[in-house]
Amino acid sequence: MTRRLILTGAFITLCLGVAGVYLSSSPANARIPYTDVSQIADGQRVYQQYCASCHGANLEGEPNWQRRDVAGMLPAPPHDPSGHTWHHPDTMLFEFVKYGPKHFAGADYATKMPPYEDVLTDSDIWAVLAYIKSTWPNEIIVRHNRFGDK
């Protein structure tokens, strides 16, 4: 009986451990690793390759980013503190990059930003977000962290 209890306990512990790893690595429960130097460096590289052409080499975005252009498209917003990136929870930012703006705004939404789910890995997306967040001043990071994942 004691051996059976030990084996049952070990099995339950193993299952909880596997579930914990799965849940902590899933996008719905992940957090931007903005203090991880390796992630920040990877994110800066990926950002420069895939994001800087629209969002700016220094995260400054395109001019007049809050006004639609003649084609009805919004220019790329800044990801520095002057933009609204930090106004959104981590999971939303991840999904916005992975699935594109239409994921939130609907299929008929006019946008130049494509989804990156077939271009970047989940790790690449989290790294880009780490790079972006690591550039924000501490007071913006503190405010962003308060959002949690509502």
N, C-alpha and C. Protein backbone atom coordinates (compact mmCIF):
# COMPACT_ATOMS: atom_id res chain seq x y z
N MET A 1 0.82 -1.20 0.00
CA MET A 1 0.00 0.00 0.00
C MET A 1 0.86 1.26 0.00
N THR A 2 1.92 1.27 0.79
CA THR A 2 2.78 2.44 0.86
C THR A 2 3.47 2.69 -0.48
N ARG A 3 3.94 1.60 -1.11
CA ARG A 3 4.59 1.74 -2.42
C ARG A 3 3.62 2.33 -3.44
N ARG A 4 2.38 1.88 -3.39
CA ARG A 4 1.36 2.37 -4.32
C ARG A 4 1.11 3.87 -4.09
N LEU A 5 1.04 4.29 -2.85
CA LEU A 5 0.87 5.70 -2.52
C LEU A 5 2.03 6.54 -3.02
N ILE A 6 3.24 6.03 -2.84
CA ILE A 6 4.43 6.75 -3.31
C ILE A 6 4.40 6.89 -4.83
N LEU A 7 4.08 5.79 -5.52
CA LEU A 7 4.02 5.83 -6.99
C LEU A 7 2.91 6.76 -7.47
N THR A 8 1.77 6.72 -6.80
CA THR A 8 0.67 7.61 -7.16
C THR A 8 1.07 9.07 -6.95
N GLY A 9 1.70 9.34 -5.82
CA GLY A 9 2.18 10.70 -5.54
C GLY A 9 3.20 11.16 -6.56
N ALA A 10 4.12 10.27 -6.93
CA ALA A 10 5.13 10.60 -7.93
C ALA A 10 4.48 10.88 -9.29
N PHE A 11 3.48 10.08 -9.65
CA PHE A 11 2.78 10.28 -10.92
C PHE A 11 2.05 11.62 -10.94
N ILE A 12 1.36 11.94 -9.85
CA ILE A 12 0.64 13.21 -9.76
C ILE A 12 1.62 14.37 -9.83
N THR A 13 2.74 14.26 -9.13
CA THR A 13 3.76 15.32 -9.17
C THR A 13 4.30 15.50 -10.59
N LEU A 14 4.55 14.38 -11.28
CA LEU A 14 5.04 14.45 -12.65
C LEU A 14 4.01 15.13 -13.55
N CYS A 15 2.75 14.76 -13.42
CA CYS A 15 1.70 15.37 -14.25
C CYS A 15 1.57 16.86 -13.98
N LEU A 16 1.61 17.25 -12.72
CA LEU A 16 1.53 18.67 -12.38
C LEU A 16 2.74 19.43 -12.92
N GLY A 17 3.90 18.80 -12.85
CA GLY A 17 5.11 19.43 -13.37
C GLY A 17 5.02 19.65 -14.87
N VAL A 18 4.58 18.63 -15.60
CA VAL A 18 4.42 18.76 -17.06
C VAL A 18 3.39 19.83 -17.38
N ALA A 19 2.27 19.83 -16.66
CA ALA A 19 1.24 20.84 -16.90
C ALA A 19 1.78 22.23 -16.59
N GLY A 20 2.57 22.35 -15.53
CA GLY A 20 3.15 23.65 -15.18
C GLY A 20 4.09 24.16 -16.26
N VAL A 21 4.91 23.28 -16.80
CA VAL A 21 5.82 23.69 -17.88
C VAL A 21 5.02 24.10 -19.10
N TYR A 22 4.01 23.32 -19.45
CA TYR A 22 3.19 23.65 -20.62
C TYR A 22 2.50 25.00 -20.43
N LEU A 23 1.88 25.18 -19.28
CA LEU A 23 1.13 26.41 -19.05
C LEU A 23 2.05 27.62 -18.97
N SER A 24 3.21 27.46 -18.36
CA SER A 24 4.10 28.62 -18.23
C SER A 24 4.73 28.99 -19.55
N SER A 25 4.78 28.06 -20.51
CA SER A 25 5.38 28.39 -21.80
C SER A 25 4.34 28.74 -22.85
N SER A 26 3.08 28.53 -22.54
CA SER A 26 2.05 28.86 -23.52
C SER A 26 1.86 30.37 -23.60
N PRO A 27 1.57 30.89 -24.77
CA PRO A 27 1.42 32.34 -24.93
C PRO A 27 0.41 32.96 -23.97
N ALA A 28 -0.63 32.22 -23.62
CA ALA A 28 -1.66 32.79 -22.76
C ALA A 28 -1.15 33.09 -21.35
N ASN A 29 -0.08 32.44 -20.94
CA ASN A 29 0.42 32.62 -19.59
C ASN A 29 1.83 33.19 -19.55
N ALA A 30 2.41 33.45 -20.68
CA ALA A 30 3.79 33.92 -20.74
C ALA A 30 3.86 35.41 -20.42
N ARG A 31 5.01 35.84 -20.05
CA ARG A 31 5.28 37.25 -19.77
C ARG A 31 6.49 37.69 -20.59
N ILE A 32 6.52 38.93 -20.94
CA ILE A 32 7.64 39.46 -21.72
C ILE A 32 8.91 39.39 -20.87
N PRO A 33 9.94 38.71 -21.38
CA PRO A 33 11.19 38.54 -20.62
C PRO A 33 12.13 39.74 -20.77
N TYR A 34 11.68 40.91 -20.36
CA TYR A 34 12.38 42.16 -20.63
C TYR A 34 13.65 42.37 -19.81
N THR A 35 13.93 41.49 -18.87
CA THR A 35 15.17 41.60 -18.09
C THR A 35 16.20 40.56 -18.52
N ASP A 36 15.84 39.71 -19.46
CA ASP A 36 16.73 38.64 -19.93
C ASP A 36 17.63 39.19 -21.04
N VAL A 37 18.90 39.38 -20.73
CA VAL A 37 19.85 40.00 -21.66
C VAL A 37 19.93 39.24 -22.98
N SER A 38 19.90 37.93 -22.92
CA SER A 38 19.96 37.11 -24.14
C SER A 38 18.72 37.32 -25.00
N GLN A 39 17.55 37.34 -24.37
CA GLN A 39 16.29 37.57 -25.09
C GLN A 39 16.27 38.96 -25.71
N ILE A 40 16.76 39.94 -24.98
CA ILE A 40 16.79 41.32 -25.49
C ILE A 40 17.68 41.40 -26.73
N ALA A 41 18.84 40.79 -26.66
CA ALA A 41 19.77 40.81 -27.81
C ALA A 41 19.15 40.10 -29.02
N ASP A 42 18.54 38.94 -28.79
CA ASP A 42 17.87 38.23 -29.89
C ASP A 42 16.73 39.08 -30.45
N GLY A 43 15.98 39.69 -29.55
CA GLY A 43 14.85 40.52 -29.96
C GLY A 43 15.27 41.73 -30.77
N GLN A 44 16.38 42.34 -30.40
CA GLN A 44 16.87 43.50 -31.15
C GLN A 44 17.25 43.08 -32.57
N ARG A 45 17.89 41.92 -32.70
CA ARG A 45 18.26 41.41 -34.02
C ARG A 45 17.02 41.15 -34.87
N VAL A 46 16.03 40.48 -34.30
CA VAL A 46 14.79 40.15 -35.03
C VAL A 46 14.04 41.44 -35.36
N TYR A 47 13.97 42.36 -34.40
CA TYR A 47 13.29 43.64 -34.63
C TYR A 47 13.91 44.37 -35.81
N GLN A 48 15.23 44.48 -35.82
CA GLN A 48 15.90 45.20 -36.91
C GLN A 48 15.62 44.54 -38.26
N GLN A 49 15.54 43.22 -38.27
CA GLN A 49 15.30 42.50 -39.53
C GLN A 49 13.85 42.59 -40.01
N TYR A 50 12.89 42.51 -39.10
CA TYR A 50 11.49 42.39 -39.51
C TYR A 50 10.59 43.58 -39.17
N CYS A 51 10.99 44.42 -38.24
CA CYS A 51 10.08 45.45 -37.74
C CYS A 51 10.53 46.88 -38.01
N ALA A 52 11.84 47.10 -38.01
CA ALA A 52 12.39 48.46 -38.07
C ALA A 52 12.02 49.20 -39.35
N SER A 53 11.83 48.48 -40.44
CA SER A 53 11.52 49.17 -41.69
C SER A 53 10.21 49.95 -41.61
N CYS A 54 9.30 49.52 -40.77
CA CYS A 54 8.04 50.25 -40.58
C CYS A 54 8.00 51.01 -39.25
N HIS A 55 8.42 50.33 -38.18
CA HIS A 55 8.29 50.91 -36.84
C HIS A 55 9.49 51.76 -36.44
N GLY A 56 10.50 51.84 -37.30
CA GLY A 56 11.65 52.69 -37.04
C GLY A 56 12.79 51.98 -36.33
N ALA A 57 14.00 52.31 -36.73
CA ALA A 57 15.19 51.70 -36.13
C ALA A 57 15.28 52.00 -34.65
N ASN A 58 14.71 53.12 -34.23
CA ASN A 58 14.74 53.52 -32.82
C ASN A 58 13.36 53.44 -32.17
N LEU A 59 12.50 52.60 -32.73
CA LEU A 59 11.15 52.38 -32.20
C LEU A 59 10.24 53.60 -32.34
N GLU A 60 10.62 54.55 -33.19
CA GLU A 60 9.91 55.84 -33.28
C GLU A 60 8.63 55.80 -34.11
N GLY A 61 8.39 54.75 -34.85
CA GLY A 61 7.18 54.67 -35.68
C GLY A 61 7.24 55.60 -36.87
N GLU A 62 6.16 55.60 -37.64
CA GLU A 62 6.07 56.46 -38.81
C GLU A 62 5.42 57.79 -38.42
N PRO A 63 5.73 58.84 -39.19
CA PRO A 63 5.09 60.14 -38.91
C PRO A 63 3.57 60.04 -39.00
N ASN A 64 2.91 60.85 -38.22
CA ASN A 64 1.44 60.92 -38.23
C ASN A 64 0.78 59.56 -38.04
N TRP A 65 1.33 58.76 -37.15
CA TRP A 65 0.88 57.38 -36.99
C TRP A 65 -0.55 57.25 -36.48
N GLN A 66 -1.14 58.35 -36.01
CA GLN A 66 -2.52 58.27 -35.53
C GLN A 66 -3.55 58.70 -36.57
N ARG A 67 -3.08 59.05 -37.77
CA ARG A 67 -3.99 59.47 -38.85
C ARG A 67 -3.88 58.53 -40.05
N ARG A 68 -5.00 58.12 -40.56
CA ARG A 68 -5.00 57.24 -41.74
C ARG A 68 -4.44 57.97 -42.95
N ASP A 69 -3.74 57.23 -43.79
CA ASP A 69 -3.20 57.82 -45.01
C ASP A 69 -4.27 57.82 -46.11
N VAL A 70 -3.93 58.21 -47.31
CA VAL A 70 -4.90 58.31 -48.40
C VAL A 70 -5.51 56.95 -48.76
N ALA A 71 -4.79 55.88 -48.47
CA ALA A 71 -5.31 54.53 -48.73
C ALA A 71 -6.15 54.01 -47.57
N GLY A 72 -6.31 54.82 -46.52
CA GLY A 72 -7.11 54.42 -45.37
C GLY A 72 -6.36 53.59 -44.35
N MET A 73 -5.04 53.52 -44.51
CA MET A 73 -4.22 52.73 -43.58
C MET A 73 -3.61 53.62 -42.50
N LEU A 74 -3.51 53.08 -41.30
CA LEU A 74 -2.80 53.78 -40.24
C LEU A 74 -1.31 53.49 -40.39
N PRO A 75 -0.47 54.52 -40.32
CA PRO A 75 0.97 54.27 -40.33
C PRO A 75 1.40 53.46 -39.11
N ALA A 76 2.57 52.86 -39.19
CA ALA A 76 3.08 52.04 -38.08
C ALA A 76 3.31 52.91 -36.85
N PRO A 77 2.77 52.50 -35.71
CA PRO A 77 2.94 53.30 -34.49
C PRO A 77 4.34 53.10 -33.89
N PRO A 78 4.72 54.04 -33.04
CA PRO A 78 5.99 53.87 -32.32
C PRO A 78 5.84 52.83 -31.22
N HIS A 79 6.95 52.20 -30.88
CA HIS A 79 6.97 51.28 -29.75
C HIS A 79 7.76 51.86 -28.59
N ASP A 80 8.19 53.12 -28.74
CA ASP A 80 8.84 53.81 -27.64
C ASP A 80 7.75 54.32 -26.69
N PRO A 81 8.09 54.99 -25.61
CA PRO A 81 7.05 55.44 -24.66
C PRO A 81 6.01 56.40 -25.24
N SER A 82 6.29 57.03 -26.38
CA SER A 82 5.33 57.96 -26.96
C SER A 82 4.16 57.25 -27.64
N GLY A 83 4.30 55.96 -27.86
CA GLY A 83 3.24 55.18 -28.51
C GLY A 83 2.31 54.56 -27.49
N HIS A 84 1.53 53.60 -27.96
CA HIS A 84 0.54 52.96 -27.09
C HIS A 84 0.84 51.50 -26.82
N THR A 85 1.98 51.01 -27.27
CA THR A 85 2.31 49.60 -27.08
C THR A 85 2.22 49.21 -25.62
N TRP A 86 2.75 50.03 -24.76
CA TRP A 86 2.79 49.70 -23.33
C TRP A 86 1.41 49.77 -22.67
N HIS A 87 0.40 50.18 -23.40
CA HIS A 87 -0.96 50.24 -22.87
C HIS A 87 -1.67 48.88 -22.96
N HIS A 88 -1.01 47.89 -23.53
CA HIS A 88 -1.65 46.60 -23.76
C HIS A 88 -0.95 45.48 -23.00
N PRO A 89 -1.71 44.50 -22.51
CA PRO A 89 -1.12 43.37 -21.78
C PRO A 89 -0.22 42.51 -22.68
N ASP A 90 0.65 41.77 -22.04
CA ASP A 90 1.64 40.95 -22.74
C ASP A 90 1.03 40.01 -23.78
N THR A 91 0.01 39.26 -23.39
CA THR A 91 -0.59 38.30 -24.31
C THR A 91 -1.19 38.98 -25.52
N MET A 92 -1.81 40.12 -25.33
CA MET A 92 -2.38 40.85 -26.46
C MET A 92 -1.27 41.29 -27.42
N LEU A 93 -0.16 41.78 -26.90
CA LEU A 93 0.95 42.19 -27.75
C LEU A 93 1.49 40.99 -28.54
N PHE A 94 1.65 39.87 -27.84
CA PHE A 94 2.11 38.66 -28.51
C PHE A 94 1.16 38.27 -29.66
N GLU A 95 -0.12 38.22 -29.36
CA GLU A 95 -1.11 37.81 -30.37
C GLU A 95 -1.20 38.83 -31.50
N PHE A 96 -1.01 40.09 -31.20
CA PHE A 96 -1.05 41.13 -32.22
C PHE A 96 0.05 40.90 -33.25
N VAL A 97 1.24 40.57 -32.77
CA VAL A 97 2.36 40.30 -33.68
C VAL A 97 2.13 38.97 -34.40
N LYS A 98 1.77 37.96 -33.66
CA LYS A 98 1.63 36.63 -34.26
C LYS A 98 0.49 36.56 -35.28
N TYR A 99 -0.66 37.08 -34.92
CA TYR A 99 -1.85 36.93 -35.77
C TYR A 99 -2.22 38.18 -36.56
N GLY A 100 -1.59 39.29 -36.26
CA GLY A 100 -1.85 40.54 -36.98
C GLY A 100 -3.03 41.30 -36.41
N PRO A 101 -3.17 42.57 -36.80
CA PRO A 101 -4.26 43.42 -36.30
C PRO A 101 -5.65 42.89 -36.59
N LYS A 102 -5.81 42.18 -37.70
CA LYS A 102 -7.13 41.68 -38.07
C LYS A 102 -7.67 40.67 -37.05
N HIS A 103 -6.77 40.05 -36.31
CA HIS A 103 -7.16 39.11 -35.25
C HIS A 103 -8.05 39.82 -34.23
N PHE A 104 -7.78 41.10 -34.00
CA PHE A 104 -8.56 41.87 -33.02
C PHE A 104 -9.62 42.74 -33.68
N ALA A 105 -9.30 43.30 -34.85
CA ALA A 105 -10.18 44.30 -35.46
C ALA A 105 -11.13 43.72 -36.50
N GLY A 106 -10.94 42.48 -36.90
CA GLY A 106 -11.81 41.88 -37.90
C GLY A 106 -11.14 41.77 -39.27
N ALA A 107 -11.62 40.83 -40.06
CA ALA A 107 -11.01 40.51 -41.35
C ALA A 107 -11.03 41.66 -42.34
N ASP A 108 -11.97 42.59 -42.20
CA ASP A 108 -12.07 43.69 -43.16
C ASP A 108 -11.25 44.93 -42.75
N TYR A 109 -10.51 44.83 -41.65
CA TYR A 109 -9.71 45.96 -41.17
C TYR A 109 -8.56 46.24 -42.14
N ALA A 110 -8.43 47.52 -42.54
CA ALA A 110 -7.37 47.92 -43.47
C ALA A 110 -6.06 48.10 -42.70
N THR A 111 -5.06 47.28 -43.04
CA THR A 111 -3.76 47.34 -42.36
C THR A 111 -2.65 46.89 -43.29
N LYS A 112 -1.48 47.47 -43.07
CA LYS A 112 -0.29 47.03 -43.80
C LYS A 112 0.45 45.95 -43.03
N MET A 113 0.13 45.78 -41.76
CA MET A 113 0.86 44.81 -40.94
C MET A 113 0.32 43.40 -41.15
N PRO A 114 1.21 42.52 -41.59
CA PRO A 114 0.79 41.13 -41.76
C PRO A 114 0.91 40.36 -40.45
N PRO A 115 0.27 39.20 -40.38
CA PRO A 115 0.54 38.32 -39.25
C PRO A 115 1.93 37.70 -39.42
N TYR A 116 2.60 37.44 -38.33
CA TYR A 116 3.95 36.88 -38.39
C TYR A 116 4.02 35.43 -37.94
N GLU A 117 2.86 34.77 -37.83
CA GLU A 117 2.84 33.40 -37.33
C GLU A 117 3.61 32.43 -38.22
N ASP A 118 3.71 32.70 -39.51
CA ASP A 118 4.45 31.82 -40.41
C ASP A 118 5.86 32.34 -40.70
N VAL A 119 6.23 33.43 -40.03
CA VAL A 119 7.54 34.05 -40.26
C VAL A 119 8.43 33.93 -39.03
N LEU A 120 7.86 34.25 -37.87
CA LEU A 120 8.62 34.24 -36.62
C LEU A 120 8.13 33.13 -35.70
N THR A 121 9.06 32.57 -34.94
CA THR A 121 8.67 31.59 -33.92
C THR A 121 8.08 32.35 -32.74
N ASP A 122 7.40 31.63 -31.87
CA ASP A 122 6.88 32.25 -30.65
C ASP A 122 8.03 32.86 -29.85
N SER A 123 9.15 32.16 -29.78
CA SER A 123 10.32 32.67 -29.06
C SER A 123 10.82 33.96 -29.67
N ASP A 124 10.82 34.05 -31.00
CA ASP A 124 11.23 35.30 -31.67
C ASP A 124 10.31 36.45 -31.29
N ILE A 125 9.02 36.18 -31.26
CA ILE A 125 8.05 37.22 -30.92
C ILE A 125 8.26 37.70 -29.49
N TRP A 126 8.41 36.77 -28.54
CA TRP A 126 8.64 37.17 -27.16
C TRP A 126 9.95 37.95 -27.04
N ALA A 127 10.97 37.56 -27.81
CA ALA A 127 12.25 38.26 -27.77
C ALA A 127 12.11 39.69 -28.30
N VAL A 128 11.37 39.88 -29.38
CA VAL A 128 11.13 41.23 -29.91
C VAL A 128 10.43 42.08 -28.85
N LEU A 129 9.43 41.50 -28.22
CA LEU A 129 8.72 42.24 -27.18
C LEU A 129 9.65 42.55 -26.00
N ALA A 130 10.56 41.63 -25.69
CA ALA A 130 11.55 41.88 -24.62
C ALA A 130 12.44 43.05 -24.99
N TYR A 131 12.90 43.07 -26.23
CA TYR A 131 13.74 44.19 -26.68
C TYR A 131 12.98 45.52 -26.56
N ILE A 132 11.77 45.54 -27.07
CA ILE A 132 10.98 46.77 -27.03
C ILE A 132 10.78 47.23 -25.58
N LYS A 133 10.31 46.33 -24.74
CA LYS A 133 10.01 46.71 -23.36
C LYS A 133 11.28 47.13 -22.60
N SER A 134 12.40 46.52 -22.94
CA SER A 134 13.65 46.85 -22.24
C SER A 134 14.11 48.28 -22.49
N THR A 135 13.58 48.90 -23.53
CA THR A 135 13.98 50.28 -23.85
C THR A 135 13.14 51.33 -23.12
N TRP A 136 12.03 50.90 -22.53
CA TRP A 136 11.14 51.85 -21.87
C TRP A 136 11.73 52.31 -20.54
N PRO A 137 11.45 53.54 -20.13
CA PRO A 137 11.88 53.98 -18.81
C PRO A 137 11.15 53.18 -17.72
N ASN A 138 11.76 53.11 -16.57
CA ASN A 138 11.22 52.30 -15.48
C ASN A 138 9.77 52.64 -15.15
N GLU A 139 9.40 53.92 -15.15
CA GLU A 139 8.02 54.26 -14.78
C GLU A 139 7.01 53.71 -15.79
N ILE A 140 7.38 53.61 -17.04
CA ILE A 140 6.49 53.01 -18.06
C ILE A 140 6.43 51.50 -17.85
N ILE A 141 7.56 50.88 -17.55
CA ILE A 141 7.58 49.43 -17.28
C ILE A 141 6.69 49.12 -16.09
N VAL A 142 6.79 49.90 -15.04
CA VAL A 142 5.95 49.68 -13.85
C VAL A 142 4.48 49.80 -14.22
N ARG A 143 4.13 50.81 -14.98
CA ARG A 143 2.73 50.98 -15.40
C ARG A 143 2.28 49.82 -16.27
N HIS A 144 3.14 49.38 -17.20
CA HIS A 144 2.80 48.25 -18.07
C HIS A 144 2.62 46.98 -17.26
N ASN A 145 3.47 46.76 -16.29
CA ASN A 145 3.36 45.55 -15.47
C ASN A 145 2.05 45.49 -14.69
N ARG A 146 1.44 46.63 -14.42
CA ARG A 146 0.17 46.66 -13.69
C ARG A 146 -0.98 46.08 -14.52
N PHE A 147 -0.82 46.09 -15.84
CA PHE A 147 -1.90 45.55 -16.69
C PHE A 147 -2.11 44.07 -16.44
N GLY A 148 -1.01 43.37 -16.09
CA GLY A 148 -1.13 41.93 -15.95
C GLY A 148 -1.61 41.37 -17.27
N ASP A 149 -2.53 40.47 -17.24
CA ASP A 149 -3.10 39.93 -18.48
C ASP A 149 -4.60 39.94 -18.38
N LYS A 150 -5.15 41.13 -18.32
CA LYS A 150 -6.60 41.30 -18.20
C LYS A 150 -7.29 41.03 -19.50
